[in-house]
Amino acid sequence: MQPLYKRNTHQEVNVGGNADLSDDQFFFTTLQPYDGAAFKALYQKYSAAIYGNIIRHVDNEEKAKLILQQTFCEVWEAFPQFDQTKFRIFTWINQFALQAIKKFTL
């Protein structure tokens, strides 16, 4: 069985057939129908980097973890509005993190 996601710039993914997709295109294609496994792969790929950005703004680990959780919950809910022509996925997720930081630190 082929793994759902490999850490490289292009992978072969079975999304209605074989396709050679970039990371952003892979997530955009598979997350539209709220694919839990694809969202888990998205979280695994980006959560450490997003957490690193959060912890630079928040000096409390527990608060940073809550912000990370809130960020990915909002990403999950907002994914149908994601416009891949305007943002890369990491940049888009990071915007949610920055908004959550503002909410939690006010």
Protein backbone atom coordinates (compact mmCIF):
# COMPACT_ATOMS: atom_id res chain seq x y z
CA MET A 1 0.00 0.00 0.00
CA GLN A 2 1.39 3.39 -1.00
CA PRO A 3 1.56 6.03 1.75
CA LEU A 4 -0.89 8.93 1.42
CA TYR A 5 1.79 11.58 1.44
CA LYS A 6 5.55 11.65 0.89
CA ARG A 7 7.79 14.53 1.93
CA ASN A 8 9.06 15.79 -1.39
CA THR A 9 8.03 18.38 -3.92
CA HIS A 10 6.08 16.02 -6.15
CA GLN A 11 4.33 12.79 -5.42
CA GLU A 12 2.10 10.32 -7.14
CA VAL A 13 -1.28 10.34 -5.48
CA ASN A 14 -4.37 8.35 -6.27
CA VAL A 15 -7.02 11.06 -6.51
CA GLY A 16 -9.39 9.69 -9.09
CA GLY A 17 -6.36 8.23 -10.87
CA ASN A 18 -2.62 8.77 -10.71
CA ALA A 19 -1.46 12.35 -10.72
CA ASP A 20 1.80 14.18 -10.27
CA LEU A 21 0.89 17.03 -7.94
CA SER A 22 2.78 19.70 -6.03
CA ASP A 23 2.29 19.81 -2.25
CA ASP A 24 -0.18 22.72 -2.45
CA GLN A 25 -2.10 21.12 -5.32
CA PHE A 26 -2.26 17.80 -3.45
CA PHE A 27 -3.79 19.44 -0.37
CA PHE A 28 -6.13 21.60 -2.42
CA THR A 29 -7.39 18.58 -4.35
CA THR A 30 -7.84 16.27 -1.38
CA LEU A 31 -9.04 18.72 1.28
CA GLN A 32 -11.95 20.11 -0.69
CA PRO A 33 -14.16 17.19 0.31
CA TYR A 34 -12.82 17.39 3.91
CA ASP A 35 -10.62 14.33 3.64
CA GLY A 36 -9.50 13.60 7.21
CA ALA A 37 -6.37 11.70 6.16
CA ALA A 38 -5.27 14.54 3.87
CA PHE A 39 -5.89 17.06 6.66
CA LYS A 40 -3.76 14.94 8.99
CA ALA A 41 -0.97 15.03 6.39
CA LEU A 42 -1.39 18.82 6.14
CA TYR A 43 -1.11 19.10 9.92
CA GLN A 44 1.96 16.87 10.04
CA LYS A 45 3.67 18.85 7.31
CA TYR A 46 3.00 22.37 8.60
CA SER A 47 2.21 22.25 12.33
CA ALA A 48 5.83 22.36 13.55
CA ALA A 49 6.66 25.42 11.44
CA ILE A 50 3.41 27.17 12.41
CA TYR A 51 4.03 26.32 16.07
CA GLY A 52 7.52 27.82 15.75
CA ASN A 53 6.00 31.06 14.48
CA ILE A 54 3.44 31.06 17.28
CA ILE A 55 5.95 30.41 20.07
CA ARG A 56 8.01 33.39 18.88
CA HIS A 57 5.03 35.61 19.65
CA VAL A 58 3.73 33.83 22.75
CA ASP A 59 6.06 32.92 25.61
CA ASN A 60 3.71 30.31 27.09
CA GLU A 61 3.79 26.75 25.69
CA GLU A 62 0.24 25.90 26.74
CA LYS A 63 -1.12 29.07 25.16
CA ALA A 64 0.92 28.36 22.02
CA LYS A 65 -0.56 24.84 21.79
CA LEU A 66 -4.09 26.25 22.15
CA ILE A 67 -3.38 28.78 19.41
CA LEU A 68 -2.04 26.02 17.15
CA GLN A 69 -5.17 23.96 17.76
CA GLN A 70 -7.41 26.96 17.10
CA THR A 71 -5.47 27.74 13.93
CA PHE A 72 -5.96 24.30 12.42
CA CYS A 73 -9.63 24.18 13.45
CA GLU A 74 -10.17 27.44 11.57
CA VAL A 75 -8.19 26.16 8.58
CA TRP A 76 -10.39 23.05 8.46
CA GLU A 77 -13.57 25.15 8.48
CA ALA A 78 -12.30 27.75 5.99
CA PHE A 79 -10.65 25.45 3.48
CA PRO A 80 -13.48 25.73 0.91
CA GLN A 81 -12.65 29.46 0.69
CA PHE A 82 -8.93 28.85 0.10
CA ASP A 83 -7.81 30.49 -3.15
CA GLN A 84 -4.71 28.74 -4.41
CA THR A 85 -4.14 31.54 -6.94
CA LYS A 86 -3.60 34.07 -4.14
CA PHE A 87 -1.72 32.14 -1.44
CA ARG A 88 0.52 29.19 -0.82
CA ILE A 89 -0.99 26.92 1.82
CA PHE A 90 1.69 27.66 4.45
CA THR A 91 1.19 31.43 4.09
CA TRP A 92 -2.56 31.04 4.34
CA ILE A 93 -2.34 28.86 7.48
CA ASN A 94 0.13 31.29 9.04
CA GLN A 95 -2.37 34.13 8.59
CA PHE A 96 -4.87 32.18 10.70
CA ALA A 97 -2.15 31.68 13.32
CA LEU A 98 -1.37 35.41 13.44
CA GLN A 99 -5.08 36.21 13.85
CA ALA A 100 -5.37 33.64 16.66
CA ILE A 101 -2.29 35.10 18.38
CA LYS A 102 -3.96 38.53 18.38
CA LYS A 103 -7.16 37.06 19.87
CA PHE A 104 -5.32 35.15 22.61
CA THR A 105 -2.94 37.96 23.57
CA LEU A 106 -5.47 40.79 23.90
